[in-house]
Amino acid sequence: MDDTQVGSSLPDEQHHEGGFRPVAELIQARKERGLHNTVGGPHYGELIDQVRALMDRARLVNPSDELAKESIATLEQLNSRLDEAVTDEWSSPSWSRTDLPARGNITLPPYTVISGDSDGVTAKVTFRTFHLGGNNAAHGGHIALAFDDIIGMTAALSTKSVTRTASLTLDYRSITPLNRELTVRAWTERVEGRKVYLRATLHDDERLCAEAKGLFIVLNPGQP
């Protein structure tokens, strides 16, 4: 069931905060209709897990011609089947499934929020084989992606507003390992008008892997 089926009172592409879907309103509307964390169905999380497993294998696979052709045929068939269920970003479950890692968003390194409020966010993140940069270390771009999303969440909780990234600076302090649960901590340093200045760290136990500082901008009503 998508948002248009939930009810016409839900915000849609013509009624939203800035350039983003109105997350708080949509989640609340789903809760009121008993649909919270059910969009995509009870097996959506397992589907995402299997896609991540495929991504891990694709990162390192060295197939024979026979296996490559067999896989291509299988994927073509699967993609054709999935085409039947493709929807728009407003109806996709891949942003609001708070019961799943990274809210069910396959494009993000999987992370789980341990705590989050106006004081900051603490999350556990695991960079998988798909995120390999080299020598069994996570790629710096994937680290930046995780920081951007978690810091963005921190900005939203701090300001209770929709924000966009204006600047994100990373310092890589040591190797970030794969397939190991790491800790991200993010907090707001200060707010100056619409400017939100934030910091974050990534640790492997006590070892600092990377740290980031970001500038996020609170969007004006209707601003994309």
N, C-alpha and C. Protein backbone atom coordinates (compact mmCIF):
# COMPACT_ATOMS: atom_id res chain seq x y z
N MET A 1 0.85 -1.20 0.00
CA MET A 1 0.00 0.00 0.00
C MET A 1 0.88 1.24 0.00
N ASP A 2 0.62 2.18 -0.90
CA ASP A 2 1.43 3.38 -0.95
C ASP A 2 0.69 4.54 -0.31
N ASP A 3 1.34 5.71 -0.29
CA ASP A 3 0.76 6.86 0.42
C ASP A 3 -0.53 7.34 -0.21
N THR A 4 -0.66 7.19 -1.54
CA THR A 4 -1.88 7.65 -2.18
C THR A 4 -3.05 6.77 -1.79
N GLN A 5 -2.77 5.49 -1.42
CA GLN A 5 -3.82 4.60 -0.98
C GLN A 5 -4.16 4.83 0.49
N VAL A 6 -3.21 5.37 1.23
CA VAL A 6 -3.44 5.60 2.65
C VAL A 6 -4.53 6.65 2.86
N GLY A 7 -4.53 7.66 2.03
CA GLY A 7 -5.56 8.68 2.20
C GLY A 7 -5.17 9.97 1.51
N SER A 8 -6.14 10.68 1.00
CA SER A 8 -5.86 11.90 0.26
C SER A 8 -5.38 13.03 1.14
N SER A 9 -5.51 12.86 2.47
CA SER A 9 -5.07 13.92 3.38
C SER A 9 -3.56 13.93 3.56
N LEU A 10 -2.88 12.88 3.09
CA LEU A 10 -1.44 12.86 3.23
C LEU A 10 -0.78 13.86 2.30
N PRO A 11 0.31 14.49 2.75
CA PRO A 11 1.06 15.37 1.85
C PRO A 11 1.61 14.60 0.68
N ASP A 12 1.75 15.27 -0.45
CA ASP A 12 2.28 14.62 -1.63
C ASP A 12 3.29 15.55 -2.28
N GLU A 13 3.61 15.31 -3.55
CA GLU A 13 4.65 16.08 -4.22
C GLU A 13 4.31 17.56 -4.31
N GLN A 14 3.01 17.88 -4.29
CA GLN A 14 2.61 19.28 -4.37
C GLN A 14 2.48 19.93 -2.99
N HIS A 15 2.67 19.15 -1.94
CA HIS A 15 2.51 19.68 -0.59
C HIS A 15 3.60 19.08 0.28
N HIS A 16 4.70 19.78 0.40
CA HIS A 16 5.79 19.22 1.18
C HIS A 16 6.69 20.33 1.69
N GLU A 17 7.60 19.94 2.58
CA GLU A 17 8.53 20.89 3.17
C GLU A 17 9.76 21.01 2.27
N GLY A 18 9.97 22.18 1.72
CA GLY A 18 11.14 22.38 0.89
C GLY A 18 11.22 21.36 -0.22
N GLY A 19 12.42 20.83 -0.45
CA GLY A 19 12.60 19.86 -1.51
C GLY A 19 12.43 18.43 -1.04
N PHE A 20 11.97 18.23 0.20
CA PHE A 20 11.87 16.89 0.75
C PHE A 20 10.43 16.53 1.07
N ARG A 21 10.16 15.24 1.11
CA ARG A 21 8.86 14.78 1.58
C ARG A 21 8.70 15.18 3.05
N PRO A 22 7.50 15.46 3.50
CA PRO A 22 7.28 15.86 4.90
C PRO A 22 7.31 14.64 5.80
N VAL A 23 8.50 14.27 6.24
CA VAL A 23 8.72 13.01 6.93
C VAL A 23 7.83 12.87 8.16
N ALA A 24 7.87 13.88 9.03
CA ALA A 24 7.12 13.77 10.29
C ALA A 24 5.64 13.56 10.03
N GLU A 25 5.07 14.31 9.10
CA GLU A 25 3.64 14.21 8.81
C GLU A 25 3.28 12.86 8.22
N LEU A 26 4.12 12.36 7.31
CA LEU A 26 3.83 11.08 6.68
C LEU A 26 3.90 9.94 7.68
N ILE A 27 4.93 9.96 8.53
CA ILE A 27 5.06 8.90 9.52
C ILE A 27 3.90 8.94 10.50
N GLN A 28 3.51 10.14 10.94
CA GLN A 28 2.39 10.27 11.87
C GLN A 28 1.10 9.80 11.22
N ALA A 29 0.89 10.16 9.94
CA ALA A 29 -0.32 9.73 9.24
C ALA A 29 -0.36 8.21 9.13
N ARG A 30 0.79 7.61 8.87
CA ARG A 30 0.83 6.14 8.78
C ARG A 30 0.54 5.51 10.14
N LYS A 31 1.07 6.11 11.21
CA LYS A 31 0.81 5.58 12.55
C LYS A 31 -0.68 5.62 12.85
N GLU A 32 -1.33 6.74 12.51
CA GLU A 32 -2.75 6.91 12.80
C GLU A 32 -3.60 5.90 12.03
N ARG A 33 -3.08 5.41 10.90
CA ARG A 33 -3.81 4.43 10.10
C ARG A 33 -3.31 3.01 10.35
N GLY A 34 -2.47 2.86 11.38
CA GLY A 34 -1.96 1.54 11.72
C GLY A 34 -0.99 0.98 10.72
N LEU A 35 -0.32 1.84 9.97
CA LEU A 35 0.57 1.39 8.90
C LEU A 35 2.03 1.70 9.17
N HIS A 36 2.34 2.17 10.38
CA HIS A 36 3.73 2.53 10.68
C HIS A 36 4.63 1.30 10.55
N ASN A 37 5.72 1.46 9.82
CA ASN A 37 6.71 0.39 9.61
C ASN A 37 6.13 -0.84 8.91
N THR A 38 5.05 -0.66 8.15
CA THR A 38 4.50 -1.78 7.41
C THR A 38 4.57 -1.57 5.90
N VAL A 39 4.90 -0.36 5.46
CA VAL A 39 5.00 -0.10 4.03
C VAL A 39 6.11 -0.96 3.45
N GLY A 40 5.82 -1.64 2.37
CA GLY A 40 6.77 -2.58 1.78
C GLY A 40 6.53 -4.00 2.24
N GLY A 41 5.71 -4.18 3.27
CA GLY A 41 5.34 -5.51 3.72
C GLY A 41 6.32 -6.11 4.72
N PRO A 42 5.94 -7.22 5.31
CA PRO A 42 6.75 -7.83 6.38
C PRO A 42 8.07 -8.42 5.89
N HIS A 43 8.22 -8.61 4.59
CA HIS A 43 9.44 -9.22 4.07
C HIS A 43 10.37 -8.20 3.39
N TYR A 44 10.02 -6.90 3.52
CA TYR A 44 10.83 -5.87 2.87
C TYR A 44 12.26 -5.86 3.42
N GLY A 45 12.41 -6.00 4.72
CA GLY A 45 13.75 -6.00 5.32
C GLY A 45 14.59 -7.16 4.82
N GLU A 46 13.98 -8.33 4.68
CA GLU A 46 14.71 -9.49 4.17
C GLU A 46 15.12 -9.27 2.72
N LEU A 47 14.24 -8.62 1.94
CA LEU A 47 14.58 -8.29 0.56
C LEU A 47 15.81 -7.39 0.50
N ILE A 48 15.83 -6.37 1.35
CA ILE A 48 16.98 -5.46 1.40
C ILE A 48 18.24 -6.21 1.79
N ASP A 49 18.14 -7.13 2.75
CA ASP A 49 19.30 -7.91 3.17
C ASP A 49 19.86 -8.73 2.01
N GLN A 50 18.98 -9.32 1.22
CA GLN A 50 19.43 -10.13 0.10
C GLN A 50 20.07 -9.26 -0.99
N VAL A 51 19.54 -8.06 -1.19
CA VAL A 51 20.14 -7.15 -2.17
C VAL A 51 21.54 -6.74 -1.70
N ARG A 52 21.68 -6.47 -0.41
CA ARG A 52 23.00 -6.13 0.13
C ARG A 52 23.97 -7.30 -0.05
N ALA A 53 23.49 -8.52 0.16
CA ALA A 53 24.34 -9.69 -0.03
C ALA A 53 24.78 -9.81 -1.49
N LEU A 54 23.88 -9.49 -2.41
CA LEU A 54 24.23 -9.49 -3.83
C LEU A 54 25.28 -8.44 -4.14
N MET A 55 25.13 -7.26 -3.56
CA MET A 55 26.10 -6.18 -3.76
C MET A 55 27.48 -6.59 -3.24
N ASP A 56 27.51 -7.27 -2.09
CA ASP A 56 28.79 -7.73 -1.54
C ASP A 56 29.47 -8.69 -2.51
N ARG A 57 28.72 -9.61 -3.06
CA ARG A 57 29.30 -10.59 -3.97
C ARG A 57 29.72 -9.94 -5.29
N ALA A 58 28.90 -9.00 -5.77
CA ALA A 58 29.23 -8.34 -7.02
C ALA A 58 30.52 -7.54 -6.92
N ARG A 59 30.84 -7.06 -5.71
CA ARG A 59 32.06 -6.27 -5.51
C ARG A 59 33.32 -7.08 -5.79
N LEU A 60 33.29 -8.40 -5.54
CA LEU A 60 34.51 -9.20 -5.65
C LEU A 60 34.38 -10.37 -6.62
N VAL A 61 33.24 -10.51 -7.27
CA VAL A 61 33.02 -11.70 -8.10
C VAL A 61 33.93 -11.71 -9.33
N ASN A 62 34.40 -12.88 -9.69
CA ASN A 62 35.20 -13.09 -10.91
C ASN A 62 34.58 -14.29 -11.63
N PRO A 63 33.46 -14.07 -12.34
CA PRO A 63 32.67 -15.19 -12.85
C PRO A 63 33.23 -15.80 -14.13
N SER A 64 32.91 -17.06 -14.32
CA SER A 64 33.14 -17.67 -15.62
C SER A 64 32.14 -17.11 -16.62
N ASP A 65 32.39 -17.30 -17.89
CA ASP A 65 31.44 -16.81 -18.89
C ASP A 65 30.07 -17.44 -18.68
N GLU A 66 30.06 -18.73 -18.34
CA GLU A 66 28.79 -19.42 -18.14
C GLU A 66 28.03 -18.81 -16.97
N LEU A 67 28.74 -18.57 -15.85
CA LEU A 67 28.08 -17.99 -14.68
C LEU A 67 27.63 -16.56 -14.96
N ALA A 68 28.44 -15.79 -15.69
CA ALA A 68 28.06 -14.42 -16.02
C ALA A 68 26.77 -14.39 -16.84
N LYS A 69 26.69 -15.23 -17.86
CA LYS A 69 25.49 -15.26 -18.71
C LYS A 69 24.27 -15.74 -17.93
N GLU A 70 24.47 -16.74 -17.07
CA GLU A 70 23.37 -17.22 -16.24
C GLU A 70 22.88 -16.13 -15.30
N SER A 71 23.83 -15.40 -14.69
CA SER A 71 23.47 -14.33 -13.76
C SER A 71 22.77 -13.19 -14.47
N ILE A 72 23.25 -12.84 -15.66
CA ILE A 72 22.62 -11.77 -16.44
C ILE A 72 21.16 -12.12 -16.73
N ALA A 73 20.92 -13.35 -17.14
CA ALA A 73 19.55 -13.77 -17.45
C ALA A 73 18.67 -13.72 -16.21
N THR A 74 19.22 -14.17 -15.08
CA THR A 74 18.46 -14.15 -13.83
C THR A 74 18.14 -12.72 -13.41
N LEU A 75 19.13 -11.83 -13.51
CA LEU A 75 18.92 -10.44 -13.11
C LEU A 75 17.96 -9.72 -14.05
N GLU A 76 18.03 -10.01 -15.33
CA GLU A 76 17.09 -9.41 -16.28
C GLU A 76 15.67 -9.80 -15.93
N GLN A 77 15.48 -11.07 -15.59
CA GLN A 77 14.16 -11.56 -15.22
C GLN A 77 13.68 -10.90 -13.92
N LEU A 78 14.59 -10.81 -12.94
CA LEU A 78 14.23 -10.19 -11.67
C LEU A 78 13.91 -8.71 -11.84
N ASN A 79 14.73 -7.99 -12.61
CA ASN A 79 14.48 -6.56 -12.83
C ASN A 79 13.14 -6.34 -13.51
N SER A 80 12.80 -7.21 -14.45
CA SER A 80 11.51 -7.10 -15.12
C SER A 80 10.37 -7.32 -14.13
N ARG A 81 10.57 -8.26 -13.23
CA ARG A 81 9.54 -8.54 -12.22
C ARG A 81 9.41 -7.37 -11.25
N LEU A 82 10.54 -6.81 -10.83
CA LEU A 82 10.51 -5.69 -9.89
C LEU A 82 9.92 -4.43 -10.50
N ASP A 83 10.02 -4.29 -11.82
CA ASP A 83 9.43 -3.13 -12.50
C ASP A 83 7.95 -2.98 -12.16
N GLU A 84 7.30 -4.09 -11.89
CA GLU A 84 5.87 -4.07 -11.59
C GLU A 84 5.58 -3.35 -10.28
N ALA A 85 6.58 -3.27 -9.39
CA ALA A 85 6.36 -2.69 -8.06
C ALA A 85 7.05 -1.35 -7.87
N VAL A 86 7.74 -0.85 -8.91
CA VAL A 86 8.44 0.43 -8.78
C VAL A 86 7.43 1.57 -8.63
N THR A 87 7.68 2.44 -7.66
CA THR A 87 6.78 3.56 -7.39
C THR A 87 7.61 4.85 -7.38
N ASP A 88 7.02 5.94 -6.89
CA ASP A 88 7.77 7.19 -6.82
C ASP A 88 8.38 7.34 -5.42
N GLU A 89 9.20 8.38 -5.25
CA GLU A 89 9.90 8.54 -3.98
C GLU A 89 8.95 8.81 -2.82
N TRP A 90 7.77 9.35 -3.11
CA TRP A 90 6.82 9.66 -2.04
C TRP A 90 6.20 8.40 -1.46
N SER A 91 6.11 7.35 -2.27
CA SER A 91 5.45 6.12 -1.83
C SER A 91 6.43 5.02 -1.45
N SER A 92 7.70 5.18 -1.78
CA SER A 92 8.69 4.15 -1.49
C SER A 92 8.87 3.97 0.01
N PRO A 93 9.03 2.72 0.47
CA PRO A 93 9.29 2.49 1.90
C PRO A 93 10.74 2.73 2.29
N SER A 94 11.60 3.04 1.33
CA SER A 94 13.04 3.07 1.60
C SER A 94 13.52 4.36 2.25
N TRP A 95 12.70 4.97 3.08
CA TRP A 95 13.12 6.16 3.81
C TRP A 95 12.48 6.24 5.19
N SER A 96 11.39 5.46 5.40
CA SER A 96 10.64 5.60 6.65
C SER A 96 10.59 4.33 7.48
N ARG A 97 11.23 3.26 7.02
CA ARG A 97 11.17 2.01 7.78
C ARG A 97 12.19 2.07 8.92
N THR A 98 11.78 2.75 9.99
CA THR A 98 12.68 2.97 11.12
C THR A 98 13.01 1.68 11.87
N ASP A 99 12.32 0.59 11.52
CA ASP A 99 12.63 -0.70 12.13
C ASP A 99 13.79 -1.40 11.43
N LEU A 100 14.28 -0.81 10.32
CA LEU A 100 15.33 -1.44 9.53
C LEU A 100 16.60 -0.58 9.52
N PRO A 101 17.77 -1.19 9.30
CA PRO A 101 19.01 -0.40 9.20
C PRO A 101 18.89 0.67 8.12
N ALA A 102 19.39 1.87 8.43
CA ALA A 102 19.36 3.01 7.51
C ALA A 102 17.97 3.27 6.96
N ARG A 103 16.96 2.97 7.77
CA ARG A 103 15.55 3.19 7.42
C ARG A 103 15.15 2.42 6.16
N GLY A 104 15.86 1.36 5.84
CA GLY A 104 15.53 0.56 4.66
C GLY A 104 16.09 1.12 3.38
N ASN A 105 16.99 2.10 3.48
CA ASN A 105 17.56 2.75 2.29
C ASN A 105 18.79 1.96 1.82
N ILE A 106 18.67 1.28 0.69
CA ILE A 106 19.73 0.42 0.19
C ILE A 106 20.96 1.21 -0.25
N THR A 107 20.81 2.49 -0.52
CA THR A 107 21.94 3.29 -1.00
C THR A 107 22.89 3.69 0.12
N LEU A 108 22.47 3.52 1.38
CA LEU A 108 23.28 3.93 2.52
C LEU A 108 23.99 2.75 3.16
N PRO A 109 25.18 2.96 3.72
CA PRO A 109 25.76 1.92 4.57
C PRO A 109 24.78 1.62 5.70
N PRO A 110 24.54 0.36 6.01
CA PRO A 110 23.52 0.05 7.02
C PRO A 110 23.93 0.51 8.42
N TYR A 111 23.07 1.31 9.03
CA TYR A 111 23.34 1.76 10.40
C TYR A 111 22.05 1.70 11.21
N THR A 112 22.23 1.59 12.51
CA THR A 112 21.11 1.55 13.44
C THR A 112 21.28 2.66 14.46
N VAL A 113 20.25 3.46 14.65
CA VAL A 113 20.31 4.56 15.61
C VAL A 113 20.13 4.00 17.02
N ILE A 114 21.09 4.28 17.88
CA ILE A 114 21.02 3.86 19.28
C ILE A 114 20.28 4.89 20.11
N SER A 115 20.56 6.16 19.85
CA SER A 115 19.86 7.24 20.53
C SER A 115 19.87 8.46 19.63
N GLY A 116 18.82 9.26 19.75
CA GLY A 116 18.75 10.47 18.93
C GLY A 116 17.77 11.47 19.50
N ASP A 117 18.25 12.67 19.75
CA ASP A 117 17.40 13.76 20.23
C ASP A 117 18.09 15.08 19.89
N SER A 118 17.63 16.17 20.48
CA SER A 118 18.18 17.48 20.16
C SER A 118 19.63 17.63 20.59
N ASP A 119 20.10 16.72 21.47
CA ASP A 119 21.50 16.77 21.92
C ASP A 119 22.45 16.08 20.96
N GLY A 120 21.93 15.22 20.10
CA GLY A 120 22.79 14.53 19.16
C GLY A 120 22.30 13.14 18.82
N VAL A 121 23.07 12.45 17.99
CA VAL A 121 22.71 11.11 17.52
C VAL A 121 23.90 10.17 17.73
N THR A 122 23.62 8.99 18.23
CA THR A 122 24.60 7.92 18.31
C THR A 122 24.07 6.75 17.49
N ALA A 123 24.91 6.22 16.61
CA ALA A 123 24.48 5.14 15.73
C ALA A 123 25.58 4.10 15.59
N LYS A 124 25.18 2.87 15.27
CA LYS A 124 26.10 1.79 14.96
C LYS A 124 26.04 1.54 13.46
N VAL A 125 27.21 1.56 12.81
CA VAL A 125 27.26 1.38 11.36
C VAL A 125 28.25 0.26 11.03
N THR A 126 27.93 -0.49 9.99
CA THR A 126 28.82 -1.55 9.51
C THR A 126 29.05 -1.36 8.02
N PHE A 127 30.30 -1.14 7.66
CA PHE A 127 30.66 -1.06 6.25
C PHE A 127 30.93 -2.48 5.76
N ARG A 128 30.22 -2.88 4.72
CA ARG A 128 30.27 -4.25 4.25
C ARG A 128 31.29 -4.39 3.11
N THR A 129 31.38 -5.61 2.58
CA THR A 129 32.32 -5.87 1.49
C THR A 129 32.06 -4.95 0.30
N PHE A 130 30.81 -4.63 0.05
CA PHE A 130 30.45 -3.72 -1.05
C PHE A 130 31.14 -2.36 -0.90
N HIS A 131 31.42 -1.94 0.33
CA HIS A 131 31.99 -0.62 0.60
C HIS A 131 33.51 -0.62 0.58
N LEU A 132 34.11 -1.71 0.11
CA LEU A 132 35.56 -1.85 0.06
C LEU A 132 36.22 -0.74 -0.76
N GLY A 133 37.26 -0.15 -0.16
CA GLY A 133 38.09 0.79 -0.90
C GLY A 133 39.37 0.12 -1.34
N GLY A 134 40.04 -0.55 -0.41
CA GLY A 134 41.27 -1.29 -0.71
C GLY A 134 41.90 -1.79 0.58
N ASN A 135 42.59 -2.91 0.49
CA ASN A 135 43.27 -3.48 1.67
C ASN A 135 42.32 -3.68 2.84
N ASN A 136 41.12 -4.15 2.52
CA ASN A 136 40.11 -4.48 3.54
C ASN A 136 39.65 -3.27 4.34
N ALA A 137 39.76 -2.09 3.76
CA ALA A 137 39.31 -0.86 4.42
C ALA A 137 38.12 -0.27 3.65
N ALA A 138 37.26 0.43 4.39
CA ALA A 138 36.11 1.07 3.76
C ALA A 138 36.54 2.23 2.87
N HIS A 139 35.85 2.40 1.77
CA HIS A 139 36.11 3.51 0.84
C HIS A 139 35.71 4.82 1.51
N GLY A 140 36.54 5.83 1.34
CA GLY A 140 36.28 7.13 1.96
C GLY A 140 34.96 7.74 1.53
N GLY A 141 34.54 7.49 0.29
CA GLY A 141 33.27 8.04 -0.18
C GLY A 141 32.09 7.45 0.55
N HIS A 142 32.15 6.16 0.87
CA HIS A 142 31.07 5.54 1.63
C HIS A 142 31.05 6.04 3.07
N ILE A 143 32.22 6.32 3.61
CA ILE A 143 32.28 6.90 4.96
C ILE A 143 31.61 8.27 4.96
N ALA A 144 31.90 9.07 3.93
CA ALA A 144 31.29 10.39 3.81
C ALA A 144 29.77 10.28 3.69
N LEU A 145 29.31 9.28 2.95
CA LEU A 145 27.87 9.08 2.77
C LEU A 145 27.19 8.79 4.11
N ALA A 146 27.81 7.93 4.91
CA ALA A 146 27.24 7.63 6.23
C ALA A 146 27.22 8.87 7.11
N PHE A 147 28.31 9.61 7.12
CA PHE A 147 28.37 10.85 7.90
C PHE A 147 27.27 11.82 7.45
N ASP A 148 27.13 12.00 6.15
CA ASP A 148 26.18 12.98 5.63
C ASP A 148 24.76 12.66 6.10
N ASP A 149 24.37 11.39 6.04
CA ASP A 149 23.01 11.04 6.42
C ASP A 149 22.80 11.17 7.92
N ILE A 150 23.76 10.71 8.70
CA ILE A 150 23.60 10.76 10.16
C ILE A 150 23.70 12.20 10.68
N ILE A 151 24.60 12.99 10.11
CA ILE A 151 24.68 14.40 10.51
C ILE A 151 23.42 15.14 10.08
N GLY A 152 22.89 14.80 8.91
CA GLY A 152 21.64 15.42 8.47
C GLY A 152 20.49 15.11 9.41
N MET A 153 20.44 13.88 9.91
CA MET A 153 19.44 13.52 10.91
C MET A 153 19.62 14.35 12.17
N THR A 154 20.87 14.55 12.55
CA THR A 154 21.18 15.34 13.74
C THR A 154 20.71 16.78 13.57
N ALA A 155 20.94 17.34 12.40
CA ALA A 155 20.50 18.71 12.12
C ALA A 155 18.99 18.82 12.20
N ALA A 156 18.30 17.82 11.68
CA ALA A 156 16.83 17.84 11.70
C ALA A 156 16.30 17.76 13.13
N LEU A 157 16.91 16.89 13.96
CA LEU A 157 16.47 16.77 15.34
C LEU A 157 16.78 18.03 16.14
N SER A 158 17.89 18.67 15.81
CA SER A 158 18.30 19.87 16.53
C SER A 158 17.41 21.06 16.21
N THR A 159 17.05 21.20 14.94
CA THR A 159 16.29 22.38 14.50
C THR A 159 14.81 22.12 14.33
N LYS A 160 14.43 20.81 14.30
CA LYS A 160 13.05 20.42 13.99
C LYS A 160 12.61 21.01 12.66
N SER A 161 13.56 21.04 11.72
CA SER A 161 13.31 21.60 10.40
C SER A 161 13.99 20.74 9.34
N VAL A 162 13.60 20.95 8.10
CA VAL A 162 14.24 20.28 6.98
C VAL A 162 15.49 21.06 6.60
N THR A 163 16.60 20.36 6.42
CA THR A 163 17.86 21.02 6.07
C THR A 163 18.48 20.35 4.85
N ARG A 164 19.44 21.05 4.24
CA ARG A 164 20.26 20.47 3.19
C ARG A 164 21.73 20.70 3.54
N THR A 165 22.57 19.79 3.03
CA THR A 165 24.01 19.91 3.26
C THR A 165 24.58 21.06 2.45
N ALA A 166 25.27 21.97 3.11
CA ALA A 166 25.97 23.05 2.42
C ALA A 166 27.45 22.74 2.31
N SER A 167 27.99 22.11 3.36
CA SER A 167 29.42 21.78 3.36
C SER A 167 29.63 20.58 4.28
N LEU A 168 30.51 19.66 3.83
CA LEU A 168 30.85 18.51 4.65
C LEU A 168 32.34 18.24 4.47
N THR A 169 33.08 18.32 5.56
CA THR A 169 34.53 18.13 5.53
C THR A 169 34.90 16.94 6.40
N LEU A 170 35.70 16.02 5.84
CA LEU A 170 36.11 14.83 6.58
C LEU A 170 37.61 14.79 6.78
N ASP A 171 38.02 14.28 7.91
CA ASP A 171 39.41 13.96 8.18
C ASP A 171 39.48 12.47 8.50
N TYR A 172 40.27 11.74 7.70
CA TYR A 172 40.42 10.30 7.90
C TYR A 172 41.62 10.08 8.80
N ARG A 173 41.37 9.56 10.00
CA ARG A 173 42.42 9.47 11.02
C ARG A 173 43.11 8.12 11.05
N SER A 174 42.39 7.05 10.69
CA SER A 174 42.97 5.72 10.64
C SER A 174 42.07 4.84 9.78
N ILE A 175 42.51 3.60 9.56
CA ILE A 175 41.76 2.69 8.70
C ILE A 175 40.37 2.41 9.29
N THR A 176 39.37 2.46 8.43
CA THR A 176 38.02 2.08 8.82
C THR A 176 37.76 0.66 8.34
N PRO A 177 37.62 -0.30 9.25
CA PRO A 177 37.51 -1.70 8.85
C PRO A 177 36.14 -2.06 8.29
N LEU A 178 36.13 -3.14 7.54
CA LEU A 178 34.89 -3.67 6.99
C LEU A 178 34.31 -4.73 7.92
N ASN A 179 32.98 -4.92 7.77
CA ASN A 179 32.27 -6.01 8.45
C ASN A 179 32.53 -6.04 9.96
N ARG A 180 32.55 -4.84 10.53
CA ARG A 180 32.73 -4.69 11.97
C ARG A 180 31.85 -3.53 12.43
N GLU A 181 31.13 -3.71 13.53
CA GLU A 181 30.23 -2.67 14.00
C GLU A 181 31.04 -1.51 14.59
N LEU A 182 30.81 -0.33 14.04
CA LEU A 182 31.50 0.89 14.44
C LEU A 182 30.49 1.87 15.04
N THR A 183 31.00 2.89 15.70
CA THR A 183 30.12 3.85 16.37
C THR A 183 30.28 5.24 15.77
N VAL A 184 29.16 5.83 15.40
CA VAL A 184 29.13 7.22 14.93
C VAL A 184 28.42 8.06 15.98
N ARG A 185 29.04 9.17 16.34
CA ARG A 185 28.41 10.13 17.24
C ARG A 185 28.39 11.49 16.54
N ALA A 186 27.23 12.12 16.53
CA ALA A 186 27.08 13.42 15.86
C ALA A 186 26.34 14.38 16.78
N TRP A 187 26.72 15.64 16.73
CA TRP A 187 26.09 16.64 17.59
C TRP A 187 26.15 18.01 16.92
N THR A 188 25.28 18.88 17.38
CA THR A 188 25.23 20.25 16.87
C THR A 188 26.11 21.14 17.74
N GLU A 189 27.03 21.85 17.09
CA GLU A 189 27.89 22.78 17.83
C GLU A 189 27.19 24.11 18.08
N ARG A 190 26.54 24.64 17.05
CA ARG A 190 25.83 25.90 17.22
C ARG A 190 24.88 26.11 16.03
N VAL A 191 23.93 27.00 16.25
CA VAL A 191 22.98 27.39 15.20
C VAL A 191 23.02 28.90 15.08
N GLU A 192 23.24 29.38 13.87
CA GLU A 192 23.26 30.81 13.60
C GLU A 192 22.25 31.11 12.50
N GLY A 193 21.07 31.53 12.91
CA GLY A 193 20.01 31.75 11.93
C GLY A 193 19.64 30.44 11.27
N ARG A 194 19.77 30.40 9.96
CA ARG A 194 19.45 29.18 9.22
C ARG A 194 20.66 28.25 9.09
N LYS A 195 21.82 28.67 9.59
CA LYS A 195 23.03 27.87 9.49
C LYS A 195 23.18 26.97 10.72
N VAL A 196 23.39 25.68 10.47
CA VAL A 196 23.56 24.71 11.54
C VAL A 196 24.95 24.09 11.40
N TYR A 197 25.79 24.28 12.41
CA TYR A 197 27.15 23.75 12.39
C TYR A 197 27.20 22.49 13.26
N LEU A 198 27.73 21.41 12.67
CA LEU A 198 27.69 20.12 13.34
C LEU A 198 29.05 19.43 13.28
N ARG A 199 29.25 18.49 14.20
CA ARG A 199 30.45 17.66 14.22
C ARG A 199 30.05 16.20 14.38
N ALA A 200 30.95 15.29 13.98
CA ALA A 200 30.69 13.86 14.14
C ALA A 200 32.00 13.10 14.17
N THR A 201 31.98 11.95 14.81
CA THR A 201 33.15 11.08 14.88
C THR A 201 32.74 9.66 14.52
N LEU A 202 33.72 8.89 14.03
CA LEU A 202 33.53 7.48 13.73
C LEU A 202 34.62 6.70 14.47
N HIS A 203 34.22 5.79 15.35
CA HIS A 203 35.17 5.05 16.18
C HIS A 203 35.04 3.54 15.98
N ASP A 204 36.17 2.87 16.02
CA ASP A 204 36.25 1.42 16.14
C ASP A 204 36.69 1.15 17.57
N ASP A 205 35.73 0.85 18.44
CA ASP A 205 35.99 0.83 19.89
C ASP A 205 36.55 2.19 20.30
N GLU A 206 37.78 2.26 20.82
CA GLU A 206 38.35 3.53 21.25
C GLU A 206 39.14 4.23 20.15
N ARG A 207 39.37 3.55 19.05
CA ARG A 207 40.21 4.11 17.98
C ARG A 207 39.38 5.02 17.07
N LEU A 208 39.86 6.24 16.88
CA LEU A 208 39.19 7.19 15.99
C LEU A 208 39.53 6.86 14.54
N CYS A 209 38.52 6.54 13.75
CA CYS A 209 38.71 6.24 12.32
C CYS A 209 38.59 7.50 11.46
N ALA A 210 37.60 8.32 11.76
CA ALA A 210 37.38 9.52 10.96
C ALA A 210 36.53 10.49 11.77
N GLU A 211 36.60 11.76 11.39
CA GLU A 211 35.74 12.77 11.99
C GLU A 211 35.29 13.73 10.91
N ALA A 212 34.18 14.38 11.17
CA ALA A 212 33.60 15.25 10.15
C ALA A 212 33.04 16.51 10.79
N LYS A 213 33.00 17.55 10.00
CA LYS A 213 32.29 18.76 10.39
C LYS A 213 31.43 19.18 9.21
N GLY A 214 30.23 19.64 9.51
CA GLY A 214 29.30 19.98 8.45
C GLY A 214 28.57 21.28 8.71
N LEU A 215 28.19 21.90 7.63
CA LEU A 215 27.32 23.07 7.66
C LEU A 215 26.04 22.71 6.91
N PHE A 216 24.93 22.74 7.61
CA PHE A 216 23.63 22.46 7.01
C PHE A 216 22.78 23.72 7.05
N ILE A 217 21.94 23.88 6.06
CA ILE A 217 21.10 25.06 5.94
C ILE A 217 19.64 24.69 6.11
N VAL A 218 18.94 25.37 7.03
CA VAL A 218 17.50 25.16 7.18
C VAL A 218 16.80 25.74 5.97
N LEU A 219 15.95 24.94 5.34
CA LEU A 219 15.27 25.40 4.14
C LEU A 219 14.11 26.34 4.48
N ASN A 220 13.91 27.33 3.63
CA ASN A 220 12.73 28.17 3.71
C ASN A 220 11.54 27.39 3.17
N PRO A 221 10.32 27.76 3.55
CA PRO A 221 9.14 27.07 3.02
C PRO A 221 9.15 27.07 1.49
N GLY A 222 8.99 25.88 0.93
CA GLY A 222 8.96 25.77 -0.53
C GLY A 222 10.31 25.76 -1.20
N GLN A 223 11.38 25.93 -0.44
CA GLN A 223 12.71 25.96 -1.05
C GLN A 223 13.15 24.55 -1.41
N PRO A 224 13.60 24.31 -2.66
CA PRO A 224 14.02 22.97 -3.06
C PRO A 224 15.39 22.60 -2.50
